[in-house]
Amino acid sequence: MVGAGRVLALTNGLSAHFLARTSQLQARSCPLRCASSKSQRPARSTAAKSSKLKEAAPPLDEDLVEEALMQNLEVAARQSFLNTLNGYRALVLDSSYRPIDVVNWQRAICLDLFEKVDVLEYYDQAIRSSRQEFPLPAVLRVKVYIRKQAKKESITLTRRNLLMRDKHTCQYCGAKGSTTVDHVIPTSKGGAWSWENCVTACMSCNSRKGSKSVKQLGWSLKRTPREPSAWELGLWLAVGALDTSRKHPKEWAGYLFPHEFATSSPETAQA
């Protein structure tokens, strides 16, 4: 909506425009009278002339004001639409249907138009022009196979990488948004700081476990901890796995982490 201050500024601007236009028309319609008036009458102050012009100005045209306001609203609507579009991303798969990247909606449409990819899923949203309509691609498949690196890169064990590996999910109870790290075998019993012995845990489970082992408590891990590959960390970072407030579009289901997939509307999935 347009604010009251914006409307007031707009109407003042239109009023000034009409005042200037009125003075021009008056000068053209009676040049002789204006000339004689200047020679006979003493010069008046600028304030007096401005006051006279305001009194003689016609009433403001409501149609023009409404048209100007509508144009203002159209600009705001276009900006809002662009902000919505920026929330759409496309998941890119290689020829073996393995996720390799995430691109924005502009790049996805270009790849589709130039037929460089096969589009497997589309969003319900579309870009429309006066003659054409372009649906937004959600899942793309390139026509080449991306070969994995033969040499395995060693991933540094950091708290950030560990939370990303476990997707901020407690490996004991499955609670989302967990931000603490726990040693499966406590350090007091010789547990090492390693990928195989460290997991993400919620505050409650971490406090309850203390210096006990998983076997003593009768607990079990949601998955066997292991060192992730560079490709896995890169992909999780690209799709926003580190950001627990970001949900993945439902169109990606079946192509990305199908066993623990969270669905949402595309608006919540911003690049």
C-alpha atoms as a PDB file:
ATOM      1  CA  MET A   1       0.000   0.000   0.000  1.00  0.00           C
ATOM      2  CA  VAL A   2       1.122   3.556  -0.634  1.00  0.00           C
ATOM      3  CA  GLY A   3       1.694   5.553   2.548  1.00  0.00           C
ATOM      4  CA  ALA A   4      -0.110   8.808   3.366  1.00  0.00           C
ATOM      5  CA  GLY A   5       3.150  10.733   3.085  1.00  0.00           C
ATOM      6  CA  ARG A   6       3.764   9.317  -0.391  1.00  0.00           C
ATOM      7  CA  VAL A   7       0.239  10.314  -1.509  1.00  0.00           C
ATOM      8  CA  LEU A   8       0.680  13.830  -0.089  1.00  0.00           C
ATOM      9  CA  ALA A   9       4.013  14.277  -1.872  1.00  0.00           C
ATOM     10  CA  LEU A  10       2.495  12.986  -5.098  1.00  0.00           C
ATOM     11  CA  THR A  11      -0.501  15.330  -4.944  1.00  0.00           C
ATOM     12  CA  ASN A  12       1.745  18.301  -4.114  1.00  0.00           C
ATOM     13  CA  GLY A  13       3.882  17.496  -7.135  1.00  0.00           C
ATOM     14  CA  LEU A  14       0.842  17.305  -9.396  1.00  0.00           C
ATOM     15  CA  SER A  15      -0.452  20.605  -7.976  1.00  0.00           C
ATOM     16  CA  ALA A  16       2.825  22.343  -8.785  1.00  0.00           C
ATOM     17  CA  HIS A  17       2.686  20.923 -12.308  1.00  0.00           C
ATOM     18  CA  PHE A  18      -0.823  22.279 -12.882  1.00  0.00           C
ATOM     19  CA  LEU A  19       0.133  25.679 -11.474  1.00  0.00           C
ATOM     20  CA  ALA A  20       3.056  25.990 -13.858  1.00  0.00           C
ATOM     21  CA  ARG A  21       0.936  24.849 -16.798  1.00  0.00           C
ATOM     22  CA  THR A  22      -1.812  27.334 -15.945  1.00  0.00           C
ATOM     23  CA  SER A  23       0.611  30.256 -15.903  1.00  0.00           C
ATOM     24  CA  GLN A  24       1.973  29.239 -19.319  1.00  0.00           C
ATOM     25  CA  LEU A  25      -1.520  29.115 -20.849  1.00  0.00           C
ATOM     26  CA  GLN A  26      -2.464  32.473 -19.377  1.00  0.00           C
ATOM     27  CA  ALA A  27       0.675  34.091 -20.780  1.00  0.00           C
ATOM     28  CA  ARG A  28      -0.017  32.705 -24.268  1.00  0.00           C
ATOM     29  CA  SER A  29      -3.699  33.714 -24.327  1.00  0.00           C
ATOM     30  CA  CYS A  30      -3.184  37.380 -23.399  1.00  0.00           C
ATOM     31  CA  PRO A  31       0.337  38.530 -24.273  1.00  0.00           C
ATOM     32  CA  LEU A  32      -0.711  42.176 -24.871  1.00  0.00           C
ATOM     33  CA  ARG A  33      -2.597  42.466 -21.610  1.00  0.00           C
ATOM     34  CA  CYS A  34       0.307  40.943 -19.741  1.00  0.00           C
ATOM     35  CA  ALA A  35       2.712  43.366 -21.376  1.00  0.00           C
ATOM     36  CA  SER A  36       0.535  46.407 -20.574  1.00  0.00           C
ATOM     37  CA  SER A  37       0.032  45.220 -17.041  1.00  0.00           C
ATOM     38  CA  LYS A  38       3.766  44.986 -16.554  1.00  0.00           C
ATOM     39  CA  SER A  39       4.277  48.559 -17.807  1.00  0.00           C
ATOM     40  CA  GLN A  40       1.472  50.114 -15.706  1.00  0.00           C
ATOM     41  CA  ARG A  41       1.598  48.170 -12.478  1.00  0.00           C
ATOM     42  CA  PRO A  42       4.472  48.106 -10.036  1.00  0.00           C
ATOM     43  CA  ALA A  43       6.374  44.868  -9.653  1.00  0.00           C
ATOM     44  CA  ARG A  44       4.817  42.472  -7.186  1.00  0.00           C
ATOM     45  CA  SER A  45       6.657  40.119  -4.900  1.00  0.00           C
ATOM     46  CA  THR A  46       7.164  36.468  -5.770  1.00  0.00           C
ATOM     47  CA  ALA A  47       4.963  35.425  -2.854  1.00  0.00           C
ATOM     48  CA  ALA A  48       2.061  37.498  -4.148  1.00  0.00           C
ATOM     49  CA  LYS A  49       2.368  36.031  -7.653  1.00  0.00           C
ATOM     50  CA  SER A  50       2.483  32.513  -6.261  1.00  0.00           C
ATOM     51  CA  SER A  51      -0.606  33.171  -4.147  1.00  0.00           C
ATOM     52  CA  LYS A  52      -2.510  34.480  -7.167  1.00  0.00           C
ATOM     53  CA  LEU A  53      -1.551  31.439  -9.252  1.00  0.00           C
ATOM     54  CA  LYS A  54      -2.782  29.103  -6.543  1.00  0.00           C
ATOM     55  CA  GLU A  55      -6.119  30.916  -6.404  1.00  0.00           C
ATOM     56  CA  ALA A  56      -6.524  30.741 -10.193  1.00  0.00           C
ATOM     57  CA  ALA A  57      -5.419  27.098 -10.514  1.00  0.00           C
ATOM     58  CA  PRO A  58      -8.126  24.617 -11.526  1.00  0.00           C
ATOM     59  CA  PRO A  59      -9.062  21.769  -9.132  1.00  0.00           C
ATOM     60  CA  LEU A  60      -6.792  18.720  -9.123  1.00  0.00           C
ATOM     61  CA  ASP A  61      -7.721  16.070 -11.697  1.00  0.00           C
ATOM     62  CA  GLU A  62      -8.716  12.976  -9.693  1.00  0.00           C
ATOM     63  CA  ASP A  63      -8.227  10.686 -12.685  1.00  0.00           C
ATOM     64  CA  LEU A  64      -4.582  11.713 -13.029  1.00  0.00           C
ATOM     65  CA  VAL A  65      -3.968  11.217  -9.316  1.00  0.00           C
ATOM     66  CA  GLU A  66      -5.559   7.764  -9.459  1.00  0.00           C
ATOM     67  CA  GLU A  67      -3.455   6.853 -12.501  1.00  0.00           C
ATOM     68  CA  ALA A  68      -0.255   7.944 -10.752  1.00  0.00           C
ATOM     69  CA  LEU A  69      -1.153   5.945  -7.657  1.00  0.00           C
ATOM     70  CA  MET A  70      -1.903   2.847  -9.736  1.00  0.00           C
ATOM     71  CA  GLN A  71       1.491   3.121 -11.452  1.00  0.00           C
ATOM     72  CA  ASN A  72       3.094   3.336  -8.015  1.00  0.00           C
ATOM     73  CA  LEU A  73       1.253   0.218  -6.891  1.00  0.00           C
ATOM     74  CA  GLU A  74       2.275  -1.631 -10.053  1.00  0.00           C
ATOM     75  CA  VAL A  75       5.943  -0.920  -9.311  1.00  0.00           C
ATOM     76  CA  ALA A  76       5.512  -2.231  -5.761  1.00  0.00           C
ATOM     77  CA  ALA A  77       3.714  -5.329  -7.065  1.00  0.00           C
ATOM     78  CA  ARG A  78       6.497  -6.048  -9.562  1.00  0.00           C
ATOM     79  CA  GLN A  79       9.108  -5.739  -6.823  1.00  0.00           C
ATOM     80  CA  SER A  80       7.122  -8.082  -4.589  1.00  0.00           C
ATOM     81  CA  PHE A  81       6.841 -10.588  -7.447  1.00  0.00           C
ATOM     82  CA  LEU A  82      10.612 -10.474  -8.026  1.00  0.00           C
ATOM     83  CA  ASN A  83      11.233 -11.043  -4.327  1.00  0.00           C
ATOM     84  CA  THR A  84       8.987 -14.114  -4.522  1.00  0.00           C
ATOM     85  CA  LEU A  85      10.809 -15.411  -7.602  1.00  0.00           C
ATOM     86  CA  ASN A  86      14.154 -15.162  -5.824  1.00  0.00           C
ATOM     87  CA  GLY A  87      12.906 -17.888  -3.486  1.00  0.00           C
ATOM     88  CA  TYR A  88      12.817 -20.441  -6.301  1.00  0.00           C
ATOM     89  CA  ARG A  89      15.874 -22.632  -6.932  1.00  0.00           C
ATOM     90  CA  ALA A  90      16.463 -25.630  -9.156  1.00  0.00           C
ATOM     91  CA  LEU A  91      18.203 -28.837  -8.131  1.00  0.00           C
ATOM     92  CA  VAL A  92      20.678 -30.067 -10.756  1.00  0.00           C
ATOM     93  CA  LEU A  93      21.333 -33.795 -11.264  1.00  0.00           C
ATOM     94  CA  ASP A  94      23.900 -35.479 -13.471  1.00  0.00           C
ATOM     95  CA  SER A  95      22.990 -38.177 -15.984  1.00  0.00           C
ATOM     96  CA  SER A  96      23.006 -40.795 -13.208  1.00  0.00           C
ATOM     97  CA  TYR A  97      20.440 -38.746 -11.230  1.00  0.00           C
ATOM     98  CA  ARG A  98      22.999 -37.792  -8.607  1.00  0.00           C
ATOM     99  CA  PRO A  99      22.560 -34.251  -7.177  1.00  0.00           C
ATOM    100  CA  ILE A 100      25.510 -32.063  -8.104  1.00  0.00           C
ATOM    101  CA  ASP A 101      24.415 -28.436  -7.776  1.00  0.00           C
ATOM    102  CA  VAL A 102      21.701 -25.875  -7.068  1.00  0.00           C
ATOM    103  CA  VAL A 103      21.049 -22.899  -9.403  1.00  0.00           C
ATOM    104  CA  ASN A 104      18.772 -19.851  -9.256  1.00  0.00           C
ATOM    105  CA  TRP A 105      15.590 -19.543 -11.310  1.00  0.00           C
ATOM    106  CA  GLN A 106      17.182 -17.330 -14.007  1.00  0.00           C
ATOM    107  CA  ARG A 107      19.897 -19.888 -14.721  1.00  0.00           C
ATOM    108  CA  ALA A 108      17.354 -22.717 -14.680  1.00  0.00           C
ATOM    109  CA  ILE A 109      15.157 -21.048 -17.314  1.00  0.00           C
ATOM    110  CA  CYS A 110      18.167 -20.351 -19.564  1.00  0.00           C
ATOM    111  CA  LEU A 111      19.295 -23.988 -19.370  1.00  0.00           C
ATOM    112  CA  ASP A 112      15.765 -25.095 -20.230  1.00  0.00           C
ATOM    113  CA  LEU A 113      15.343 -22.675 -23.158  1.00  0.00           C
ATOM    114  CA  PHE A 114      18.665 -23.644 -24.726  1.00  0.00           C
ATOM    115  CA  GLU A 115      17.846 -27.349 -24.204  1.00  0.00           C
ATOM    116  CA  LYS A 116      21.015 -28.022 -22.254  1.00  0.00           C
ATOM    117  CA  VAL A 117      19.123 -30.016 -19.626  1.00  0.00           C
ATOM    118  CA  ASP A 118      16.129 -32.291 -19.236  1.00  0.00           C
ATOM    119  CA  VAL A 119      13.563 -30.813 -16.865  1.00  0.00           C
ATOM    120  CA  LEU A 120      12.205 -33.500 -14.540  1.00  0.00           C
ATOM    121  CA  GLU A 121      10.020 -31.312 -12.325  1.00  0.00           C
ATOM    122  CA  TYR A 122       8.434 -27.864 -12.658  1.00  0.00           C
ATOM    123  CA  TYR A 123       7.054 -25.489 -10.032  1.00  0.00           C
ATOM    124  CA  ASP A 124       3.462 -24.281 -10.248  1.00  0.00           C
ATOM    125  CA  GLN A 125       4.815 -20.729 -10.655  1.00  0.00           C
ATOM    126  CA  ALA A 126       5.562 -19.348 -14.138  1.00  0.00           C
ATOM    127  CA  ILE A 127       7.010 -16.246 -15.804  1.00  0.00           C
ATOM    128  CA  ARG A 128       4.479 -14.718 -18.192  1.00  0.00           C
ATOM    129  CA  SER A 129       4.923 -12.185 -20.979  1.00  0.00           C
ATOM    130  CA  SER A 130       2.390 -10.798 -23.449  1.00  0.00           C
ATOM    131  CA  ARG A 131       2.955 -13.746 -25.795  1.00  0.00           C
ATOM    132  CA  GLN A 132       4.696 -16.538 -23.887  1.00  0.00           C
ATOM    133  CA  GLU A 133       4.719 -18.359 -20.588  1.00  0.00           C
ATOM    134  CA  PHE A 134       7.819 -19.923 -19.029  1.00  0.00           C
ATOM    135  CA  PRO A 135       7.249 -22.378 -16.157  1.00  0.00           C
ATOM    136  CA  LEU A 136       9.939 -22.389 -13.486  1.00  0.00           C
ATOM    137  CA  PRO A 137      12.080 -25.569 -13.514  1.00  0.00           C
ATOM    138  CA  ALA A 138      12.464 -27.298 -10.144  1.00  0.00           C
ATOM    139  CA  VAL A 139      14.678 -30.312 -10.963  1.00  0.00           C
ATOM    140  CA  LEU A 140      17.118 -30.435 -13.896  1.00  0.00           C
ATOM    141  CA  ARG A 141      19.185 -33.295 -15.279  1.00  0.00           C
ATOM    142  CA  VAL A 142      22.309 -32.520 -17.283  1.00  0.00           C
ATOM    143  CA  LYS A 143      23.285 -34.839 -20.108  1.00  0.00           C
ATOM    144  CA  VAL A 144      26.759 -35.644 -18.803  1.00  0.00           C
ATOM    145  CA  TYR A 145      28.057 -37.856 -16.026  1.00  0.00           C
ATOM    146  CA  ILE A 146      30.112 -36.111 -13.349  1.00  0.00           C
ATOM    147  CA  ARG A 147      32.854 -38.511 -12.375  1.00  0.00           C
ATOM    148  CA  LYS A 148      33.719 -38.603  -8.697  1.00  0.00           C
ATOM    149  CA  GLN A 149      37.272 -37.793  -7.739  1.00  0.00           C
ATOM    150  CA  ALA A 150      39.377 -40.922  -7.521  1.00  0.00           C
ATOM    151  CA  LYS A 151      41.451 -39.527  -4.662  1.00  0.00           C
ATOM    152  CA  LYS A 152      39.485 -39.098  -1.473  1.00  0.00           C
ATOM    153  CA  GLU A 153      39.960 -35.725   0.148  1.00  0.00           C
ATOM    154  CA  SER A 154      40.326 -35.693   3.901  1.00  0.00           C
ATOM    155  CA  ILE A 155      37.663 -33.527   5.554  1.00  0.00           C
ATOM    156  CA  THR A 156      38.694 -31.567   8.624  1.00  0.00           C
ATOM    157  CA  LEU A 157      36.666 -32.490  11.679  1.00  0.00           C
ATOM    158  CA  THR A 158      35.171 -29.255  12.972  1.00  0.00           C
ATOM    159  CA  ARG A 159      32.008 -28.546  14.905  1.00  0.00           C
ATOM    160  CA  ARG A 160      30.493 -26.847  11.862  1.00  0.00           C
ATOM    161  CA  ASN A 161      31.238 -29.774   9.539  1.00  0.00           C
ATOM    162  CA  LEU A 162      29.948 -32.254  12.104  1.00  0.00           C
ATOM    163  CA  LEU A 163      26.646 -30.405  12.529  1.00  0.00           C
ATOM    164  CA  MET A 164      26.323 -30.230   8.765  1.00  0.00           C
ATOM    165  CA  ARG A 165      26.969 -33.962   8.403  1.00  0.00           C
ATOM    166  CA  ASP A 166      24.182 -34.762  10.880  1.00  0.00           C
ATOM    167  CA  LYS A 167      21.966 -31.926   9.536  1.00  0.00           C
ATOM    168  CA  HIS A 168      21.540 -30.460  13.029  1.00  0.00           C
ATOM    169  CA  THR A 169      19.655 -33.593  14.086  1.00  0.00           C
ATOM    170  CA  CYS A 170      20.216 -35.300  17.430  1.00  0.00           C
ATOM    171  CA  GLN A 171      21.573 -38.770  16.730  1.00  0.00           C
ATOM    172  CA  TYR A 172      19.977 -40.128  19.908  1.00  0.00           C
ATOM    173  CA  CYS A 173      16.373 -38.851  19.839  1.00  0.00           C
ATOM    174  CA  GLY A 174      16.084 -37.273  16.381  1.00  0.00           C
ATOM    175  CA  ALA A 175      15.327 -33.744  17.616  1.00  0.00           C
ATOM    176  CA  LYS A 176      15.861 -31.079  14.964  1.00  0.00           C
ATOM    177  CA  GLY A 177      17.908 -27.942  15.503  1.00  0.00           C
ATOM    178  CA  SER A 178      20.455 -29.608  17.792  1.00  0.00           C
ATOM    179  CA  THR A 179      23.673 -27.654  18.217  1.00  0.00           C
ATOM    180  CA  THR A 180      25.878 -29.612  20.649  1.00  0.00           C
ATOM    181  CA  VAL A 181      28.509 -32.259  19.958  1.00  0.00           C
ATOM    182  CA  ASP A 182      28.790 -35.439  22.021  1.00  0.00           C
ATOM    183  CA  HIS A 183      31.414 -38.175  22.213  1.00  0.00           C
ATOM    184  CA  VAL A 184      29.822 -41.607  21.745  1.00  0.00           C
ATOM    185  CA  ILE A 185      32.607 -43.079  23.889  1.00  0.00           C
ATOM    186  CA  PRO A 186      33.248 -40.414  26.564  1.00  0.00           C
ATOM    187  CA  THR A 187      36.670 -38.778  26.648  1.00  0.00           C
ATOM    188  CA  SER A 188      37.002 -39.926  30.270  1.00  0.00           C
ATOM    189  CA  LYS A 189      36.998 -43.496  28.928  1.00  0.00           C
ATOM    190  CA  GLY A 190      39.446 -42.872  26.116  1.00  0.00           C
ATOM    191  CA  GLY A 191      37.015 -41.622  23.481  1.00  0.00           C
ATOM    192  CA  ALA A 192      38.754 -39.783  20.656  1.00  0.00           C
ATOM    193  CA  TRP A 193      37.826 -36.637  18.749  1.00  0.00           C
ATOM    194  CA  SER A 194      37.065 -38.400  15.474  1.00  0.00           C
ATOM    195  CA  TRP A 195      34.327 -38.635  12.862  1.00  0.00           C
ATOM    196  CA  GLU A 196      33.438 -42.130  14.076  1.00  0.00           C
ATOM    197  CA  ASN A 197      33.139 -41.143  17.754  1.00  0.00           C
ATOM    198  CA  CYS A 198      31.466 -37.717  17.570  1.00  0.00           C
ATOM    199  CA  VAL A 199      27.802 -37.034  16.844  1.00  0.00           C
ATOM    200  CA  THR A 200      25.339 -34.167  17.055  1.00  0.00           C
ATOM    201  CA  ALA A 201      23.151 -34.214  20.176  1.00  0.00           C
ATOM    202  CA  CYS A 202      20.450 -32.042  21.692  1.00  0.00           C
ATOM    203  CA  MET A 203      21.047 -30.389  25.056  1.00  0.00           C
ATOM    204  CA  SER A 204      18.719 -32.799  26.860  1.00  0.00           C
ATOM    205  CA  CYS A 205      20.329 -35.995  25.546  1.00  0.00           C
ATOM    206  CA  ASN A 206      23.830 -34.622  26.023  1.00  0.00           C
ATOM    207  CA  SER A 207      23.053 -33.781  29.655  1.00  0.00           C
ATOM    208  CA  ARG A 208      21.379 -37.141  30.356  1.00  0.00           C
ATOM    209  CA  LYS A 209      24.203 -39.113  28.770  1.00  0.00           C
ATOM    210  CA  GLY A 210      26.979 -37.394  30.672  1.00  0.00           C
ATOM    211  CA  SER A 211      30.000 -39.693  30.975  1.00  0.00           C
ATOM    212  CA  LYS A 212      28.020 -42.863  30.301  1.00  0.00           C
ATOM    213  CA  SER A 213      28.319 -44.894  27.137  1.00  0.00           C
ATOM    214  CA  VAL A 214      25.479 -45.556  24.709  1.00  0.00           C
ATOM    215  CA  LYS A 215      25.525 -49.231  25.679  1.00  0.00           C
ATOM    216  CA  GLN A 216      25.117 -48.430  29.383  1.00  0.00           C
ATOM    217  CA  LEU A 217      22.012 -46.337  28.662  1.00  0.00           C
ATOM    218  CA  GLY A 218      20.561 -48.798  26.183  1.00  0.00           C
ATOM    219  CA  TRP A 219      20.426 -46.106  23.506  1.00  0.00           C
ATOM    220  CA  SER A 220      21.090 -46.492  19.810  1.00  0.00           C
ATOM    221  CA  LEU A 221      22.342 -44.076  17.168  1.00  0.00           C
ATOM    222  CA  LYS A 222      20.132 -42.958  14.305  1.00  0.00           C
ATOM    223  CA  ARG A 223      22.969 -43.757  11.899  1.00  0.00           C
ATOM    224  CA  THR A 224      26.529 -45.004  12.043  1.00  0.00           C
ATOM    225  CA  PRO A 225      28.859 -41.994  12.269  1.00  0.00           C
ATOM    226  CA  ARG A 226      31.450 -41.762   9.500  1.00  0.00           C
ATOM    227  CA  GLU A 227      33.581 -39.212   7.708  1.00  0.00           C
ATOM    228  CA  PRO A 228      31.597 -37.456   4.952  1.00  0.00           C
ATOM    229  CA  SER A 229      32.983 -36.868   1.489  1.00  0.00           C
ATOM    230  CA  ALA A 230      33.805 -33.436   0.095  1.00  0.00           C
ATOM    231  CA  TRP A 231      30.970 -33.877  -2.404  1.00  0.00           C
ATOM    232  CA  GLU A 232      28.432 -34.526   0.364  1.00  0.00           C
ATOM    233  CA  LEU A 233      29.466 -31.492   2.387  1.00  0.00           C
ATOM    234  CA  GLY A 234      29.459 -29.308  -0.721  1.00  0.00           C
ATOM    235  CA  LEU A 235      25.985 -30.455  -1.706  1.00  0.00           C
ATOM    236  CA  TRP A 236      24.554 -30.049   1.796  1.00  0.00           C
ATOM    237  CA  LEU A 237      25.983 -26.549   1.920  1.00  0.00           C
ATOM    238  CA  ALA A 238      24.522 -25.705  -1.507  1.00  0.00           C
ATOM    239  CA  VAL A 239      20.996 -26.842  -0.656  1.00  0.00           C
ATOM    240  CA  GLY A 240      21.074 -25.163   2.748  1.00  0.00           C
ATOM    241  CA  ALA A 241      21.317 -28.214   4.974  1.00  0.00           C
ATOM    242  CA  LEU A 242      23.260 -26.117   7.489  1.00  0.00           C
ATOM    243  CA  ASP A 243      20.334 -23.689   7.804  1.00  0.00           C
ATOM    244  CA  THR A 244      17.639 -25.509   9.782  1.00  0.00           C
ATOM    245  CA  SER A 245      15.079 -22.751   9.089  1.00  0.00           C
ATOM    246  CA  ARG A 246      15.247 -23.440   5.354  1.00  0.00           C
ATOM    247  CA  LYS A 247      12.948 -26.120   3.976  1.00  0.00           C
ATOM    248  CA  HIS A 248      13.442 -27.835   0.660  1.00  0.00           C
ATOM    249  CA  PRO A 249      10.746 -27.622  -2.034  1.00  0.00           C
ATOM    250  CA  LYS A 250       8.437 -30.623  -2.268  1.00  0.00           C
ATOM    251  CA  GLU A 251       9.398 -30.976  -5.955  1.00  0.00           C
ATOM    252  CA  TRP A 252      12.863 -32.122  -4.819  1.00  0.00           C
ATOM    253  CA  ALA A 253      11.432 -35.093  -2.914  1.00  0.00           C
ATOM    254  CA  GLY A 254      12.756 -38.364  -4.281  1.00  0.00           C
ATOM    255  CA  TYR A 255      15.889 -36.724  -5.676  1.00  0.00           C
ATOM    256  CA  LEU A 256      17.548 -35.410  -2.525  1.00  0.00           C
ATOM    257  CA  PHE A 257      17.785 -37.142   0.876  1.00  0.00           C
ATOM    258  CA  PRO A 258      14.467 -39.021   0.331  1.00  0.00           C
ATOM    259  CA  HIS A 259      14.674 -40.857   3.672  1.00  0.00           C
ATOM    260  CA  GLU A 260      14.645 -37.658   5.742  1.00  0.00           C
ATOM    261  CA  PHE A 261      13.073 -35.091   3.453  1.00  0.00           C
ATOM    262  CA  ALA A 262      11.214 -32.020   4.757  1.00  0.00           C
ATOM    263  CA  THR A 263       8.739 -30.418   2.367  1.00  0.00           C
ATOM    264  CA  SER A 264       7.527 -26.860   2.150  1.00  0.00           C
ATOM    265  CA  SER A 265       6.277 -24.188  -0.195  1.00  0.00           C
ATOM    266  CA  PRO A 266       8.886 -22.754  -2.607  1.00  0.00           C
ATOM    267  CA  GLU A 267       8.655 -19.312  -0.969  1.00  0.00           C
ATOM    268  CA  THR A 268      10.515 -20.635   2.066  1.00  0.00           C
ATOM    269  CA  ALA A 269      13.335 -22.042  -0.054  1.00  0.00           C
ATOM    270  CA  GLN A 270      15.360 -18.617  -0.684  1.00  0.00           C
ATOM    271  CA  ALA A 271      18.792 -18.533  -2.377  1.00  0.00           C
END
